[in-house]
Amino acid sequence: MKDSNCIQIKTCPYCGRIYHGVPALSRVDNETLICPDCGTREALESIGVSAEEQDAIIETIHRASRQPL
């Protein structure tokens, strides 16, 4: 039986950061599970978004997710 109250902590194989929640599937090999930030970076990179703009977008996502609804 799956315990829905259990939070799994994972380490991203790309950036080495610890994260929880739903991982992203890497576009590089279509097998590796990576953190949501690295997944976002891969998606943005695939459409030509610069690293600086990627940082700004990810910061905006983090800021929005911290705000109460």
C-alpha atoms as a PDB file:
ATOM      1  CA  MET A   1       0.000   0.000   0.000  1.00  0.00           C
ATOM      2  CA  LYS A   2       1.258   3.456  -0.862  1.00  0.00           C
ATOM      3  CA  ASP A   3       1.454   6.017   1.959  1.00  0.00           C
ATOM      4  CA  SER A   4       0.319   9.370   0.560  1.00  0.00           C
ATOM      5  CA  ASN A   5       1.715  11.208   3.615  1.00  0.00           C
ATOM      6  CA  CYS A   6       5.291  10.131   2.865  1.00  0.00           C
ATOM      7  CA  ILE A   7       7.471  12.818   1.267  1.00  0.00           C
ATOM      8  CA  GLN A   8      10.349  11.470  -0.774  1.00  0.00           C
ATOM      9  CA  ILE A   9      13.525  13.504  -0.914  1.00  0.00           C
ATOM     10  CA  LYS A  10      15.609  13.059  -4.063  1.00  0.00           C
ATOM     11  CA  THR A  11      18.894  14.394  -5.409  1.00  0.00           C
ATOM     12  CA  CYS A  12      18.998  15.666  -8.987  1.00  0.00           C
ATOM     13  CA  PRO A  13      21.709  13.873 -10.976  1.00  0.00           C
ATOM     14  CA  TYR A  14      22.279  17.006 -13.091  1.00  0.00           C
ATOM     15  CA  CYS A  15      22.587  19.856 -10.598  1.00  0.00           C
ATOM     16  CA  GLY A  16      23.071  17.870  -7.375  1.00  0.00           C
ATOM     17  CA  ARG A  17      20.340  19.765  -5.535  1.00  0.00           C
ATOM     18  CA  ILE A  18      17.968  18.036  -3.150  1.00  0.00           C
ATOM     19  CA  TYR A  19      14.290  18.323  -4.111  1.00  0.00           C
ATOM     20  CA  HIS A  20      10.908  16.796  -3.352  1.00  0.00           C
ATOM     21  CA  GLY A  21       7.795  16.468  -5.412  1.00  0.00           C
ATOM     22  CA  VAL A  22       7.268  15.220  -8.917  1.00  0.00           C
ATOM     23  CA  PRO A  23      10.473  14.872 -10.959  1.00  0.00           C
ATOM     24  CA  ALA A  24      10.845  15.788 -14.613  1.00  0.00           C
ATOM     25  CA  LEU A  25      11.918  13.346 -17.302  1.00  0.00           C
ATOM     26  CA  SER A  26      15.131  14.468 -18.987  1.00  0.00           C
ATOM     27  CA  ARG A  27      14.834  15.296 -22.668  1.00  0.00           C
ATOM     28  CA  VAL A  28      18.454  14.215 -23.149  1.00  0.00           C
ATOM     29  CA  ASP A  29      17.925  10.464 -22.729  1.00  0.00           C
ATOM     30  CA  ASN A  30      14.190  10.177 -22.047  1.00  0.00           C
ATOM     31  CA  GLU A  31      14.994   8.005 -18.993  1.00  0.00           C
ATOM     32  CA  THR A  32      16.656  10.072 -16.278  1.00  0.00           C
ATOM     33  CA  LEU A  33      14.471  11.669 -13.614  1.00  0.00           C
ATOM     34  CA  ILE A  34      15.669  15.190 -12.798  1.00  0.00           C
ATOM     35  CA  CYS A  35      14.499  18.052 -10.582  1.00  0.00           C
ATOM     36  CA  PRO A  36      11.743  20.342 -11.844  1.00  0.00           C
ATOM     37  CA  ASP A  37      14.208  23.236 -12.272  1.00  0.00           C
ATOM     38  CA  CYS A  38      16.494  21.202 -14.547  1.00  0.00           C
ATOM     39  CA  GLY A  39      13.438  19.995 -16.459  1.00  0.00           C
ATOM     40  CA  THR A  40      12.352  23.594 -16.964  1.00  0.00           C
ATOM     41  CA  ARG A  41      15.868  24.545 -18.070  1.00  0.00           C
ATOM     42  CA  GLU A  42      15.943  21.715 -20.642  1.00  0.00           C
ATOM     43  CA  ALA A  43      12.563  22.780 -22.023  1.00  0.00           C
ATOM     44  CA  LEU A  44      13.553  26.442 -22.239  1.00  0.00           C
ATOM     45  CA  GLU A  45      16.928  25.594 -23.766  1.00  0.00           C
ATOM     46  CA  SER A  46      15.191  23.516 -26.443  1.00  0.00           C
ATOM     47  CA  ILE A  47      13.403  26.642 -27.680  1.00  0.00           C
ATOM     48  CA  GLY A  48      16.498  28.824 -27.580  1.00  0.00           C
ATOM     49  CA  VAL A  49      16.008  30.734 -24.314  1.00  0.00           C
ATOM     50  CA  SER A  50      19.298  32.123 -22.949  1.00  0.00           C
ATOM     51  CA  ALA A  51      20.718  30.977 -19.610  1.00  0.00           C
ATOM     52  CA  GLU A  52      20.107  34.427 -18.099  1.00  0.00           C
ATOM     53  CA  GLU A  53      16.455  34.383 -19.125  1.00  0.00           C
ATOM     54  CA  GLN A  54      16.125  30.807 -17.830  1.00  0.00           C
ATOM     55  CA  ASP A  55      17.353  32.015 -14.418  1.00  0.00           C
ATOM     56  CA  ALA A  56      14.794  34.827 -14.422  1.00  0.00           C
ATOM     57  CA  ILE A  57      11.950  32.491 -15.394  1.00  0.00           C
ATOM     58  CA  ILE A  58      12.846  29.923 -12.741  1.00  0.00           C
ATOM     59  CA  GLU A  59      13.097  32.660 -10.093  1.00  0.00           C
ATOM     60  CA  THR A  60       9.630  33.874 -11.097  1.00  0.00           C
ATOM     61  CA  ILE A  61       8.263  30.331 -10.774  1.00  0.00           C
ATOM     62  CA  HIS A  62       9.810  29.986  -7.294  1.00  0.00           C
ATOM     63  CA  ARG A  63       8.507  33.387  -6.189  1.00  0.00           C
ATOM     64  CA  ALA A  64       4.983  32.599  -7.426  1.00  0.00           C
ATOM     65  CA  SER A  65       4.941  29.214  -5.703  1.00  0.00           C
ATOM     66  CA  ARG A  66       5.865  30.808  -2.339  1.00  0.00           C
ATOM     67  CA  GLN A  67       2.983  33.288  -2.398  1.00  0.00           C
ATOM     68  CA  PRO A  68      -0.208  32.283  -0.596  1.00  0.00           C
ATOM     69  CA  LEU A  69      -3.274  31.842  -2.758  1.00  0.00           C
END
